[in-house]
Amino acid sequence: MNGILTLAQETVTTTGDGLVTIGKGIGFGLTVLGGGLGIGNIGANAVQSIARQPEAAGPIGTNMIIAAALIEGLAVISMVLLAFVV
């Protein structure tokens, strides 16, 4: 923890927009964490649903892939906004 604080202090003192850089790093981390948890949750629930109703594996798998792609797209849009707009 002490190393992170030292790095944060160095970033703030060496550049004029140090707090913006730290905020971007936190934003990127939360974006990756949220996207990963969302896709993992979808996958776990899809496998559980297929285990309960094996005959519905096709539609469940299709819906799982579509939902995962939407979450991944939202995460990419969030990272692009963090990188270029903020």
Protein backbone atom coordinates (compact mmCIF):
# COMPACT_ATOMS: atom_id res chain seq x y z
CA MET A 1 0.00 0.00 0.00
CA ASN A 2 2.85 2.34 0.78
CA GLY A 3 4.29 1.86 -2.71
CA ILE A 4 0.99 2.85 -4.31
CA LEU A 5 0.81 6.02 -2.24
CA THR A 6 4.39 6.91 -3.16
CA LEU A 7 3.62 6.37 -6.84
CA ALA A 8 0.49 8.51 -6.53
CA GLN A 9 2.43 11.32 -4.88
CA GLU A 10 5.14 11.19 -7.55
CA THR A 11 2.49 11.33 -10.28
CA VAL A 12 0.81 14.35 -8.71
CA THR A 13 4.06 16.25 -8.24
CA THR A 14 5.62 15.49 -11.63
CA THR A 15 2.65 16.25 -13.86
CA GLY A 16 0.05 18.96 -13.64
CA ASP A 17 -2.87 16.57 -14.13
CA GLY A 18 -1.78 13.86 -11.72
CA LEU A 19 -5.17 13.42 -10.09
CA VAL A 20 -6.77 12.98 -13.51
CA THR A 21 -4.26 10.23 -14.26
CA ILE A 22 -5.03 8.48 -10.99
CA GLY A 23 -8.76 8.79 -11.67
CA LYS A 24 -8.31 7.29 -15.13
CA GLY A 25 -6.42 4.35 -13.62
CA ILE A 26 -9.17 3.73 -11.09
CA GLY A 27 -11.79 4.06 -13.85
CA PHE A 28 -10.00 1.53 -16.05
CA GLY A 29 -9.72 -0.88 -13.13
CA LEU A 30 -13.40 -0.62 -12.26
CA THR A 31 -14.36 -1.04 -15.92
CA VAL A 32 -12.35 -4.23 -16.26
CA LEU A 33 -13.59 -5.55 -12.93
CA GLY A 34 -17.24 -4.85 -13.73
CA GLY A 35 -17.04 -6.33 -17.22
CA GLY A 36 -15.28 -9.45 -15.97
CA LEU A 37 -17.75 -9.99 -13.15
CA GLY A 38 -20.71 -9.43 -15.46
CA ILE A 39 -19.52 -11.87 -18.10
CA GLY A 40 -18.56 -14.42 -15.44
CA ASN A 41 -22.01 -14.15 -13.89
CA ILE A 42 -23.66 -14.66 -17.29
CA GLY A 43 -21.52 -17.71 -17.97
CA ALA A 44 -22.20 -19.26 -14.58
CA ASN A 45 -25.95 -18.77 -14.86
CA ALA A 46 -26.01 -20.07 -18.44
CA VAL A 47 -24.23 -23.27 -17.41
CA GLN A 48 -26.63 -23.67 -14.50
CA SER A 49 -29.62 -23.16 -16.79
CA ILE A 50 -28.32 -25.66 -19.33
CA ALA A 51 -27.79 -28.18 -16.52
CA ARG A 52 -31.43 -27.77 -15.49
CA GLN A 53 -32.86 -27.88 -19.04
CA PRO A 54 -30.43 -29.53 -21.45
CA GLU A 55 -32.88 -29.28 -24.36
CA ALA A 56 -32.72 -25.46 -24.18
CA ALA A 57 -28.93 -25.34 -24.59
CA GLY A 58 -29.06 -23.69 -28.02
CA PRO A 59 -31.15 -20.62 -27.17
CA ILE A 60 -29.45 -20.21 -23.79
CA GLY A 61 -26.02 -20.29 -25.39
CA THR A 62 -27.04 -17.79 -28.05
CA ASN A 63 -28.50 -15.39 -25.49
CA MET A 64 -25.39 -15.79 -23.32
CA ILE A 65 -23.08 -14.81 -26.20
CA ILE A 66 -25.23 -11.81 -27.13
CA ALA A 67 -25.35 -10.57 -23.53
CA ALA A 68 -21.59 -11.06 -23.08
CA ALA A 69 -20.93 -9.12 -26.29
CA LEU A 70 -23.11 -6.25 -25.09
CA ILE A 71 -21.28 -6.11 -21.75
CA GLU A 72 -17.91 -6.26 -23.50
CA GLY A 73 -18.98 -3.45 -25.84
CA LEU A 74 -20.02 -1.29 -22.91
CA ALA A 75 -16.66 -1.92 -21.22
CA VAL A 76 -14.77 -0.96 -24.39
CA ILE A 77 -16.83 2.22 -24.81
CA SER A 78 -16.12 3.11 -21.19
CA MET A 79 -12.37 2.61 -21.69
CA VAL A 80 -12.37 4.69 -24.87
CA LEU A 81 -14.19 7.51 -23.06
CA LEU A 82 -11.72 7.32 -20.19
CA ALA A 83 -8.71 7.33 -22.50
CA PHE A 84 -9.68 10.06 -24.92
CA VAL A 85 -12.40 12.26 -23.43
CA VAL A 86 -11.43 12.66 -19.78
